[in-house]
Amino acid sequence: MKQDHATAKAYAKAVFSLAKERNAADAVATDLGRVVELLEQDAELRRFFALPWVAGPAKRQAAVEIGTRLELSPLGRDFLALVAAHGRAAQLPGIAAAYRDLADEALGRVRARVRTVLPLTAQERSTLTSRLHRTLGGNEIVLDEEVDPSLLGGFVAESGSVVVDGSLDGQLARLRQRLVTG
């Protein structure tokens, strides 16, 4: 598993370096996201790329066709073909995540996963982004929003090892702890 992570990181670094040279970093990030989404939705396609008896050139040709149909950038299409030909299609989600981390770091972006009981309004998103900017720093805060009906209300934001718990669940837990400890 550790080797898979290292391999994914190596592929991500290589394509990120090329994408920066060609001023295509955002396009490749979008391409990788679209391919990962397709693979998550299509179990038959995942199986095809995982079959050990399908030759690398056949996987490469299939990847080129997929890249063309998805209208990926030339670098995105070529990278997908390379990954498929080397039998690494199963690692695309890890490669995409490592690529996103490299792009975020290069641009000074900080990504925060935010769970709320209801989707955020534009005003709530703006207020939360401002507060997280003060807490987390960075040039830009990117919210990865997730609706979590198990929350009673409020939000929970996570970025790396930092957790900002503004949920009712968290407030009740803190109140309970204060009452227990006196």
N, C-alpha and C. Protein backbone atom coordinates (compact mmCIF):
# COMPACT_ATOMS: atom_id res chain seq x y z
N MET A 1 0.82 -1.20 0.00
CA MET A 1 0.00 0.00 0.00
C MET A 1 0.86 1.26 0.00
N LYS A 2 1.95 1.23 0.79
CA LYS A 2 2.84 2.36 0.85
C LYS A 2 3.50 2.59 -0.51
N GLN A 3 3.83 1.48 -1.20
CA GLN A 3 4.43 1.57 -2.52
C GLN A 3 3.46 2.22 -3.50
N ASP A 4 2.15 1.86 -3.42
CA ASP A 4 1.14 2.45 -4.30
C ASP A 4 1.09 3.96 -4.11
N HIS A 5 1.16 4.41 -2.85
CA HIS A 5 1.13 5.84 -2.56
C HIS A 5 2.36 6.53 -3.15
N ALA A 6 3.52 5.91 -2.99
CA ALA A 6 4.76 6.47 -3.53
C ALA A 6 4.71 6.52 -5.06
N THR A 7 4.16 5.48 -5.67
CA THR A 7 4.04 5.44 -7.13
C THR A 7 3.08 6.52 -7.61
N ALA A 8 1.94 6.64 -6.93
CA ALA A 8 0.96 7.67 -7.30
C ALA A 8 1.58 9.06 -7.20
N LYS A 9 2.34 9.28 -6.14
CA LYS A 9 3.00 10.58 -5.95
C LYS A 9 4.02 10.86 -7.05
N ALA A 10 4.76 9.83 -7.44
CA ALA A 10 5.76 9.99 -8.50
C ALA A 10 5.10 10.35 -9.83
N TYR A 11 4.02 9.66 -10.17
CA TYR A 11 3.29 9.98 -11.40
C TYR A 11 2.73 11.40 -11.33
N ALA A 12 2.16 11.75 -10.18
CA ALA A 12 1.57 13.08 -10.02
C ALA A 12 2.63 14.17 -10.17
N LYS A 13 3.80 13.96 -9.56
CA LYS A 13 4.88 14.94 -9.68
C LYS A 13 5.30 15.13 -11.13
N ALA A 14 5.44 14.02 -11.84
CA ALA A 14 5.88 14.08 -13.23
C ALA A 14 4.89 14.84 -14.10
N VAL A 15 3.61 14.51 -13.98
CA VAL A 15 2.62 15.19 -14.83
C VAL A 15 2.42 16.63 -14.38
N PHE A 16 2.54 16.91 -13.09
CA PHE A 16 2.40 18.28 -12.60
C PHE A 16 3.53 19.15 -13.15
N SER A 17 4.74 18.61 -13.16
CA SER A 17 5.88 19.34 -13.70
C SER A 17 5.65 19.69 -15.18
N LEU A 18 5.20 18.73 -15.95
CA LEU A 18 4.90 18.98 -17.37
C LEU A 18 3.75 19.98 -17.53
N ALA A 19 2.73 19.83 -16.71
CA ALA A 19 1.57 20.71 -16.81
C ALA A 19 1.96 22.16 -16.48
N LYS A 20 2.82 22.34 -15.48
CA LYS A 20 3.28 23.71 -15.16
C LYS A 20 4.05 24.30 -16.33
N GLU A 21 4.93 23.52 -16.93
CA GLU A 21 5.71 23.99 -18.08
C GLU A 21 4.80 24.44 -19.22
N ARG A 22 3.69 23.75 -19.39
CA ARG A 22 2.77 24.03 -20.50
C ARG A 22 1.61 24.92 -20.09
N ASN A 23 1.64 25.47 -18.88
CA ASN A 23 0.55 26.30 -18.36
C ASN A 23 -0.80 25.59 -18.46
N ALA A 24 -0.80 24.32 -18.10
CA ALA A 24 -2.01 23.51 -18.20
C ALA A 24 -2.34 22.82 -16.88
N ALA A 25 -1.85 23.36 -15.76
CA ALA A 25 -2.04 22.70 -14.46
C ALA A 25 -3.52 22.53 -14.11
N ASP A 26 -4.31 23.57 -14.32
CA ASP A 26 -5.74 23.47 -13.99
C ASP A 26 -6.46 22.53 -14.93
N ALA A 27 -6.11 22.56 -16.21
CA ALA A 27 -6.76 21.68 -17.19
C ALA A 27 -6.48 20.22 -16.86
N VAL A 28 -5.25 19.90 -16.49
CA VAL A 28 -4.92 18.52 -16.16
C VAL A 28 -5.63 18.09 -14.87
N ALA A 29 -5.73 19.00 -13.90
CA ALA A 29 -6.46 18.68 -12.67
C ALA A 29 -7.91 18.34 -12.99
N THR A 30 -8.52 19.12 -13.85
CA THR A 30 -9.90 18.86 -14.27
C THR A 30 -9.99 17.52 -15.01
N ASP A 31 -9.03 17.28 -15.90
CA ASP A 31 -9.01 16.02 -16.66
C ASP A 31 -8.93 14.82 -15.71
N LEU A 32 -8.01 14.89 -14.77
CA LEU A 32 -7.85 13.77 -13.82
C LEU A 32 -9.13 13.55 -13.02
N GLY A 33 -9.77 14.62 -12.60
CA GLY A 33 -11.03 14.50 -11.86
C GLY A 33 -12.11 13.84 -12.69
N ARG A 34 -12.20 14.19 -13.95
CA ARG A 34 -13.22 13.61 -14.83
C ARG A 34 -12.96 12.12 -15.06
N VAL A 35 -11.69 11.76 -15.24
CA VAL A 35 -11.36 10.35 -15.47
C VAL A 35 -11.65 9.53 -14.22
N VAL A 36 -11.28 10.04 -13.06
CA VAL A 36 -11.53 9.33 -11.80
C VAL A 36 -13.04 9.15 -11.61
N GLU A 37 -13.80 10.19 -11.90
CA GLU A 37 -15.26 10.10 -11.78
C GLU A 37 -15.82 9.02 -12.70
N LEU A 38 -15.32 8.98 -13.94
CA LEU A 38 -15.77 7.95 -14.88
C LEU A 38 -15.44 6.55 -14.37
N LEU A 39 -14.23 6.37 -13.87
CA LEU A 39 -13.83 5.06 -13.36
C LEU A 39 -14.65 4.66 -12.13
N GLU A 40 -15.00 5.63 -11.30
CA GLU A 40 -15.82 5.32 -10.12
C GLU A 40 -17.21 4.86 -10.53
N GLN A 41 -17.72 5.41 -11.62
CA GLN A 41 -19.07 5.10 -12.07
C GLN A 41 -19.16 3.85 -12.93
N ASP A 42 -18.05 3.46 -13.57
CA ASP A 42 -18.10 2.37 -14.55
C ASP A 42 -17.25 1.18 -14.09
N ALA A 43 -17.89 0.23 -13.42
CA ALA A 43 -17.19 -0.94 -12.89
C ALA A 43 -16.59 -1.79 -14.02
N GLU A 44 -17.27 -1.87 -15.15
CA GLU A 44 -16.77 -2.67 -16.27
C GLU A 44 -15.46 -2.09 -16.82
N LEU A 45 -15.38 -0.78 -16.89
CA LEU A 45 -14.17 -0.12 -17.35
C LEU A 45 -13.01 -0.35 -16.36
N ARG A 46 -13.32 -0.25 -15.07
CA ARG A 46 -12.30 -0.54 -14.04
C ARG A 46 -11.78 -1.96 -14.19
N ARG A 47 -12.71 -2.91 -14.41
CA ARG A 47 -12.31 -4.31 -14.59
C ARG A 47 -11.42 -4.48 -15.81
N PHE A 48 -11.79 -3.82 -16.90
CA PHE A 48 -10.99 -3.93 -18.13
C PHE A 48 -9.54 -3.51 -17.87
N PHE A 49 -9.36 -2.35 -17.23
CA PHE A 49 -8.00 -1.87 -16.98
C PHE A 49 -7.25 -2.73 -15.96
N ALA A 50 -7.97 -3.49 -15.15
CA ALA A 50 -7.34 -4.33 -14.13
C ALA A 50 -6.96 -5.72 -14.66
N LEU A 51 -7.52 -6.12 -15.81
CA LEU A 51 -7.24 -7.46 -16.34
C LEU A 51 -5.77 -7.60 -16.73
N PRO A 52 -5.08 -8.55 -16.11
CA PRO A 52 -3.64 -8.69 -16.40
C PRO A 52 -3.34 -9.23 -17.79
N TRP A 53 -4.28 -9.93 -18.41
CA TRP A 53 -4.01 -10.52 -19.71
C TRP A 53 -4.31 -9.56 -20.88
N VAL A 54 -4.85 -8.38 -20.58
CA VAL A 54 -5.03 -7.38 -21.64
C VAL A 54 -3.70 -6.65 -21.79
N ALA A 55 -3.16 -6.66 -22.97
CA ALA A 55 -1.85 -6.07 -23.23
C ALA A 55 -1.85 -4.56 -23.04
N GLY A 56 -0.69 -4.04 -22.67
CA GLY A 56 -0.52 -2.60 -22.47
C GLY A 56 -0.96 -1.75 -23.65
N PRO A 57 -0.58 -2.13 -24.89
CA PRO A 57 -1.02 -1.33 -26.04
C PRO A 57 -2.55 -1.27 -26.19
N ALA A 58 -3.23 -2.36 -25.86
CA ALA A 58 -4.70 -2.35 -25.94
C ALA A 58 -5.28 -1.41 -24.89
N LYS A 59 -4.72 -1.43 -23.69
CA LYS A 59 -5.18 -0.53 -22.64
C LYS A 59 -4.89 0.92 -23.02
N ARG A 60 -3.71 1.12 -23.62
CA ARG A 60 -3.33 2.47 -24.06
C ARG A 60 -4.32 2.99 -25.09
N GLN A 61 -4.67 2.15 -26.07
CA GLN A 61 -5.61 2.57 -27.11
C GLN A 61 -6.99 2.89 -26.52
N ALA A 62 -7.42 2.07 -25.58
CA ALA A 62 -8.71 2.33 -24.92
C ALA A 62 -8.66 3.65 -24.16
N ALA A 63 -7.54 3.92 -23.51
CA ALA A 63 -7.39 5.17 -22.75
C ALA A 63 -7.39 6.38 -23.69
N VAL A 64 -6.74 6.26 -24.84
CA VAL A 64 -6.74 7.35 -25.81
C VAL A 64 -8.17 7.62 -26.28
N GLU A 65 -8.92 6.55 -26.54
CA GLU A 65 -10.32 6.69 -26.96
C GLU A 65 -11.15 7.37 -25.87
N ILE A 66 -10.95 6.96 -24.63
CA ILE A 66 -11.68 7.58 -23.51
C ILE A 66 -11.31 9.06 -23.41
N GLY A 67 -10.02 9.35 -23.50
CA GLY A 67 -9.56 10.74 -23.43
C GLY A 67 -10.14 11.59 -24.53
N THR A 68 -10.26 11.02 -25.72
CA THR A 68 -10.84 11.75 -26.85
C THR A 68 -12.32 12.01 -26.62
N ARG A 69 -13.03 10.98 -26.17
CA ARG A 69 -14.49 11.14 -25.93
C ARG A 69 -14.77 12.12 -24.80
N LEU A 70 -13.90 12.13 -23.77
CA LEU A 70 -14.08 13.07 -22.66
C LEU A 70 -13.56 14.47 -23.00
N GLU A 71 -12.95 14.60 -24.18
CA GLU A 71 -12.37 15.87 -24.64
C GLU A 71 -11.34 16.39 -23.64
N LEU A 72 -10.44 15.48 -23.23
CA LEU A 72 -9.36 15.86 -22.33
C LEU A 72 -8.33 16.70 -23.08
N SER A 73 -7.57 17.47 -22.32
CA SER A 73 -6.46 18.22 -22.92
C SER A 73 -5.47 17.21 -23.50
N PRO A 74 -4.64 17.62 -24.46
CA PRO A 74 -3.66 16.67 -25.02
C PRO A 74 -2.77 16.04 -23.95
N LEU A 75 -2.31 16.83 -22.99
CA LEU A 75 -1.47 16.29 -21.92
C LEU A 75 -2.27 15.32 -21.05
N GLY A 76 -3.51 15.66 -20.74
CA GLY A 76 -4.35 14.78 -19.95
C GLY A 76 -4.61 13.46 -20.65
N ARG A 77 -4.88 13.53 -21.94
CA ARG A 77 -5.13 12.31 -22.73
C ARG A 77 -3.86 11.44 -22.80
N ASP A 78 -2.73 12.08 -23.08
CA ASP A 78 -1.48 11.33 -23.18
C ASP A 78 -1.09 10.70 -21.84
N PHE A 79 -1.32 11.44 -20.76
CA PHE A 79 -0.99 10.92 -19.44
C PHE A 79 -1.88 9.73 -19.10
N LEU A 80 -3.16 9.83 -19.40
CA LEU A 80 -4.08 8.71 -19.16
C LEU A 80 -3.62 7.49 -19.94
N ALA A 81 -3.21 7.68 -21.17
CA ALA A 81 -2.74 6.57 -22.00
C ALA A 81 -1.49 5.93 -21.40
N LEU A 82 -0.58 6.76 -20.92
CA LEU A 82 0.65 6.26 -20.30
C LEU A 82 0.35 5.43 -19.05
N VAL A 83 -0.50 5.97 -18.20
CA VAL A 83 -0.87 5.28 -16.95
C VAL A 83 -1.54 3.95 -17.27
N ALA A 84 -2.46 3.95 -18.23
CA ALA A 84 -3.16 2.72 -18.61
C ALA A 84 -2.19 1.70 -19.19
N ALA A 85 -1.30 2.14 -20.07
CA ALA A 85 -0.34 1.23 -20.71
C ALA A 85 0.59 0.58 -19.70
N HIS A 86 0.88 1.29 -18.61
CA HIS A 86 1.76 0.74 -17.57
C HIS A 86 0.98 -0.02 -16.48
N GLY A 87 -0.31 -0.23 -16.70
CA GLY A 87 -1.11 -1.00 -15.75
C GLY A 87 -1.37 -0.29 -14.44
N ARG A 88 -1.42 1.03 -14.46
CA ARG A 88 -1.59 1.81 -13.23
C ARG A 88 -2.95 2.53 -13.16
N ALA A 89 -3.90 2.13 -13.97
CA ALA A 89 -5.20 2.81 -13.98
C ALA A 89 -5.89 2.75 -12.62
N ALA A 90 -5.68 1.67 -11.88
CA ALA A 90 -6.30 1.55 -10.55
C ALA A 90 -5.76 2.60 -9.59
N GLN A 91 -4.59 3.16 -9.91
CA GLN A 91 -3.99 4.16 -9.03
C GLN A 91 -4.39 5.59 -9.40
N LEU A 92 -5.23 5.76 -10.42
CA LEU A 92 -5.62 7.10 -10.83
C LEU A 92 -6.25 7.95 -9.72
N PRO A 93 -7.10 7.39 -8.85
CA PRO A 93 -7.61 8.23 -7.76
C PRO A 93 -6.48 8.77 -6.86
N GLY A 94 -5.51 7.93 -6.55
CA GLY A 94 -4.38 8.37 -5.73
C GLY A 94 -3.51 9.38 -6.47
N ILE A 95 -3.33 9.18 -7.76
CA ILE A 95 -2.55 10.11 -8.57
C ILE A 95 -3.27 11.46 -8.61
N ALA A 96 -4.58 11.43 -8.83
CA ALA A 96 -5.35 12.68 -8.89
C ALA A 96 -5.29 13.42 -7.56
N ALA A 97 -5.38 12.69 -6.44
CA ALA A 97 -5.32 13.34 -5.12
C ALA A 97 -3.93 13.95 -4.89
N ALA A 98 -2.88 13.22 -5.25
CA ALA A 98 -1.52 13.74 -5.08
C ALA A 98 -1.30 14.95 -5.99
N TYR A 99 -1.84 14.90 -7.19
CA TYR A 99 -1.73 16.02 -8.13
C TYR A 99 -2.42 17.25 -7.55
N ARG A 100 -3.63 17.05 -7.02
CA ARG A 100 -4.38 18.17 -6.44
C ARG A 100 -3.60 18.79 -5.28
N ASP A 101 -2.97 17.95 -4.46
CA ASP A 101 -2.16 18.47 -3.35
C ASP A 101 -0.99 19.30 -3.86
N LEU A 102 -0.32 18.83 -4.91
CA LEU A 102 0.80 19.58 -5.50
C LEU A 102 0.32 20.92 -6.06
N ALA A 103 -0.80 20.91 -6.77
CA ALA A 103 -1.35 22.13 -7.35
C ALA A 103 -1.76 23.10 -6.25
N ASP A 104 -2.41 22.60 -5.20
CA ASP A 104 -2.81 23.46 -4.09
C ASP A 104 -1.60 24.10 -3.43
N GLU A 105 -0.58 23.30 -3.18
CA GLU A 105 0.63 23.81 -2.54
C GLU A 105 1.30 24.88 -3.41
N ALA A 106 1.39 24.64 -4.70
CA ALA A 106 2.04 25.58 -5.61
C ALA A 106 1.30 26.92 -5.67
N LEU A 107 -0.01 26.87 -5.53
CA LEU A 107 -0.82 28.08 -5.61
C LEU A 107 -1.17 28.67 -4.25
N GLY A 108 -0.68 28.05 -3.17
CA GLY A 108 -0.97 28.54 -1.83
C GLY A 108 -2.41 28.32 -1.41
N ARG A 109 -3.06 27.35 -2.02
CA ARG A 109 -4.45 27.04 -1.66
C ARG A 109 -4.47 26.10 -0.48
N VAL A 110 -5.48 26.28 0.36
CA VAL A 110 -5.72 25.37 1.47
C VAL A 110 -7.10 24.77 1.25
N ARG A 111 -7.17 23.46 1.27
CA ARG A 111 -8.42 22.76 1.03
C ARG A 111 -9.01 22.32 2.37
N ALA A 112 -10.29 22.56 2.56
CA ALA A 112 -10.97 22.16 3.78
C ALA A 112 -12.22 21.36 3.43
N ARG A 113 -12.36 20.21 4.07
CA ARG A 113 -13.57 19.40 3.90
C ARG A 113 -14.58 19.89 4.93
N VAL A 114 -15.73 20.32 4.46
CA VAL A 114 -16.75 20.89 5.34
C VAL A 114 -18.00 20.05 5.29
N ARG A 115 -18.43 19.59 6.48
CA ARG A 115 -19.67 18.82 6.58
C ARG A 115 -20.73 19.70 7.23
N THR A 116 -21.90 19.75 6.61
CA THR A 116 -23.04 20.50 7.14
C THR A 116 -24.30 19.66 6.99
N VAL A 117 -25.31 19.98 7.78
CA VAL A 117 -26.55 19.22 7.71
C VAL A 117 -27.35 19.60 6.45
N LEU A 118 -27.20 20.85 6.00
CA LEU A 118 -27.86 21.33 4.78
C LEU A 118 -26.81 22.00 3.90
N PRO A 119 -27.02 22.07 2.60
CA PRO A 119 -26.05 22.76 1.74
C PRO A 119 -25.88 24.22 2.19
N LEU A 120 -24.66 24.72 2.08
CA LEU A 120 -24.36 26.09 2.47
C LEU A 120 -24.95 27.08 1.47
N THR A 121 -25.45 28.21 1.98
CA THR A 121 -25.86 29.30 1.10
C THR A 121 -24.60 30.06 0.70
N ALA A 122 -24.72 30.94 -0.27
CA ALA A 122 -23.57 31.73 -0.72
C ALA A 122 -23.02 32.58 0.43
N GLN A 123 -23.89 33.16 1.23
CA GLN A 123 -23.47 33.99 2.37
C GLN A 123 -22.75 33.14 3.43
N GLU A 124 -23.30 31.98 3.74
CA GLU A 124 -22.65 31.09 4.72
C GLU A 124 -21.29 30.62 4.22
N ARG A 125 -21.22 30.30 2.95
CA ARG A 125 -19.95 29.86 2.35
C ARG A 125 -18.91 30.96 2.46
N SER A 126 -19.31 32.19 2.16
CA SER A 126 -18.39 33.33 2.22
C SER A 126 -17.92 33.57 3.65
N THR A 127 -18.83 33.55 4.61
CA THR A 127 -18.47 33.75 6.02
C THR A 127 -17.55 32.65 6.51
N LEU A 128 -17.87 31.41 6.19
CA LEU A 128 -17.05 30.28 6.62
C LEU A 128 -15.66 30.35 5.98
N THR A 129 -15.60 30.70 4.71
CA THR A 129 -14.31 30.82 4.03
C THR A 129 -13.44 31.88 4.71
N SER A 130 -14.04 33.02 5.06
CA SER A 130 -13.29 34.08 5.75
C SER A 130 -12.77 33.61 7.10
N ARG A 131 -13.60 32.93 7.86
CA ARG A 131 -13.18 32.44 9.19
C ARG A 131 -12.08 31.38 9.05
N LEU A 132 -12.23 30.48 8.09
CA LEU A 132 -11.21 29.45 7.89
C LEU A 132 -9.91 30.06 7.38
N HIS A 133 -10.00 31.12 6.61
CA HIS A 133 -8.79 31.81 6.14
C HIS A 133 -7.99 32.33 7.32
N ARG A 134 -8.67 32.91 8.31
CA ARG A 134 -7.98 33.41 9.51
C ARG A 134 -7.37 32.26 10.31
N THR A 135 -8.05 31.13 10.35
CA THR A 135 -7.57 29.99 11.13
C THR A 135 -6.47 29.21 10.42
N LEU A 136 -6.65 28.98 9.11
CA LEU A 136 -5.76 28.10 8.37
C LEU A 136 -4.68 28.82 7.57
N GLY A 137 -4.90 30.09 7.28
CA GLY A 137 -3.94 30.82 6.45
C GLY A 137 -4.13 30.45 4.98
N GLY A 138 -3.08 30.65 4.19
CA GLY A 138 -3.16 30.34 2.76
C GLY A 138 -3.69 31.51 1.96
N ASN A 139 -3.43 31.48 0.66
CA ASN A 139 -3.92 32.54 -0.21
C ASN A 139 -5.40 32.37 -0.52
N GLU A 140 -5.82 31.12 -0.62
CA GLU A 140 -7.19 30.82 -1.02
C GLU A 140 -7.66 29.59 -0.26
N ILE A 141 -8.89 29.64 0.21
CA ILE A 141 -9.49 28.49 0.88
C ILE A 141 -10.46 27.85 -0.12
N VAL A 142 -10.31 26.55 -0.32
CA VAL A 142 -11.20 25.80 -1.20
C VAL A 142 -12.02 24.87 -0.32
N LEU A 143 -13.33 25.01 -0.39
CA LEU A 143 -14.21 24.18 0.42
C LEU A 143 -14.68 22.97 -0.39
N ASP A 144 -14.45 21.80 0.16
CA ASP A 144 -15.02 20.57 -0.38
C ASP A 144 -16.22 20.26 0.51
N GLU A 145 -17.39 20.62 0.02
CA GLU A 145 -18.60 20.55 0.84
C GLU A 145 -19.25 19.17 0.77
N GLU A 146 -19.78 18.76 1.92
CA GLU A 146 -20.46 17.47 2.01
C GLU A 146 -21.66 17.65 2.93
N VAL A 147 -22.81 17.21 2.50
CA VAL A 147 -24.01 17.25 3.34
C VAL A 147 -23.99 16.00 4.21
N ASP A 148 -24.09 16.20 5.52
CA ASP A 148 -24.05 15.11 6.50
C ASP A 148 -25.30 15.19 7.37
N PRO A 149 -26.34 14.43 7.01
CA PRO A 149 -27.60 14.50 7.77
C PRO A 149 -27.48 14.02 9.21
N SER A 150 -26.37 13.38 9.59
CA SER A 150 -26.21 12.92 10.96
C SER A 150 -25.89 14.07 11.92
N LEU A 151 -25.48 15.23 11.38
CA LEU A 151 -25.22 16.39 12.24
C LEU A 151 -26.56 17.01 12.67
N LEU A 152 -26.58 17.55 13.87
CA LEU A 152 -27.79 18.23 14.34
C LEU A 152 -27.89 19.63 13.74
N GLY A 153 -26.76 20.26 13.49
CA GLY A 153 -26.71 21.60 12.92
C GLY A 153 -25.29 22.10 12.95
N GLY A 154 -25.04 23.25 12.33
CA GLY A 154 -23.71 23.81 12.30
C GLY A 154 -22.84 23.15 11.25
N PHE A 155 -21.52 23.12 11.52
CA PHE A 155 -20.58 22.56 10.54
C PHE A 155 -19.38 21.96 11.24
N VAL A 156 -18.69 21.10 10.52
CA VAL A 156 -17.39 20.58 10.94
C VAL A 156 -16.47 20.74 9.74
N ALA A 157 -15.37 21.49 9.93
CA ALA A 157 -14.40 21.70 8.86
C ALA A 157 -13.10 21.01 9.22
N GLU A 158 -12.51 20.30 8.26
CA GLU A 158 -11.25 19.59 8.48
C GLU A 158 -10.28 19.95 7.38
N SER A 159 -9.07 20.30 7.79
CA SER A 159 -7.99 20.58 6.84
C SER A 159 -6.71 20.03 7.43
N GLY A 160 -6.22 18.95 6.83
CA GLY A 160 -5.04 18.31 7.41
C GLY A 160 -5.38 17.81 8.81
N SER A 161 -4.59 18.22 9.78
CA SER A 161 -4.83 17.78 11.16
C SER A 161 -5.68 18.78 11.95
N VAL A 162 -6.11 19.87 11.31
CA VAL A 162 -6.91 20.89 11.99
C VAL A 162 -8.39 20.58 11.81
N VAL A 163 -9.11 20.56 12.92
CA VAL A 163 -10.55 20.34 12.89
C VAL A 163 -11.21 21.53 13.58
N VAL A 164 -12.13 22.19 12.88
CA VAL A 164 -12.90 23.28 13.45
C VAL A 164 -14.33 22.76 13.58
N ASP A 165 -14.74 22.54 14.83
CA ASP A 165 -16.06 21.95 15.08
C ASP A 165 -17.03 23.03 15.54
N GLY A 166 -17.86 23.49 14.62
CA GLY A 166 -18.88 24.47 14.93
C GLY A 166 -20.26 23.83 14.88
N SER A 167 -20.30 22.53 15.17
CA SER A 167 -21.58 21.82 15.08
C SER A 167 -22.29 21.82 16.43
N LEU A 168 -23.58 21.63 16.40
CA LEU A 168 -24.34 21.48 17.63
C LEU A 168 -23.89 20.24 18.38
N ASP A 169 -23.55 19.18 17.64
CA ASP A 169 -23.07 17.96 18.26
C ASP A 169 -21.82 18.26 19.10
N GLY A 170 -20.91 19.03 18.51
CA GLY A 170 -19.67 19.39 19.20
C GLY A 170 -19.92 20.27 20.40
N GLN A 171 -20.83 21.22 20.25
CA GLN A 171 -21.15 22.11 21.37
C GLN A 171 -21.77 21.33 22.53
N LEU A 172 -22.66 20.39 22.20
CA LEU A 172 -23.28 19.57 23.25
C LEU A 172 -22.24 18.68 23.93
N ALA A 173 -21.31 18.13 23.15
CA ALA A 173 -20.26 17.28 23.73
C ALA A 173 -19.37 18.10 24.66
N ARG A 174 -19.03 19.34 24.27
CA ARG A 174 -18.20 20.19 25.13
C ARG A 174 -18.95 20.57 26.40
N LEU A 175 -20.25 20.87 26.28
CA LEU A 175 -21.07 21.20 27.45
C LEU A 175 -21.16 19.99 28.38
N ARG A 176 -21.38 18.82 27.82
CA ARG A 176 -21.44 17.60 28.60
C ARG A 176 -20.14 17.38 29.37
N GLN A 177 -19.02 17.60 28.69
CA GLN A 177 -17.69 17.42 29.31
C GLN A 177 -17.50 18.40 30.47
N ARG A 178 -17.93 19.66 30.28
CA ARG A 178 -17.81 20.67 31.36
C ARG A 178 -18.67 20.29 32.56
N LEU A 179 -19.86 19.76 32.29
CA LEU A 179 -20.75 19.37 33.39
C LEU A 179 -20.18 18.18 34.15
N VAL A 180 -19.57 17.24 33.44
CA VAL A 180 -19.00 16.05 34.08
C VAL A 180 -17.78 16.41 34.91
N THR A 181 -16.93 17.27 34.37
CA THR A 181 -15.70 17.61 35.10
C THR A 181 -15.90 18.71 36.12
N GLY A 182 -17.03 19.36 36.07
CA GLY A 182 -17.35 20.37 37.08
C GLY A 182 -16.85 21.66 36.69
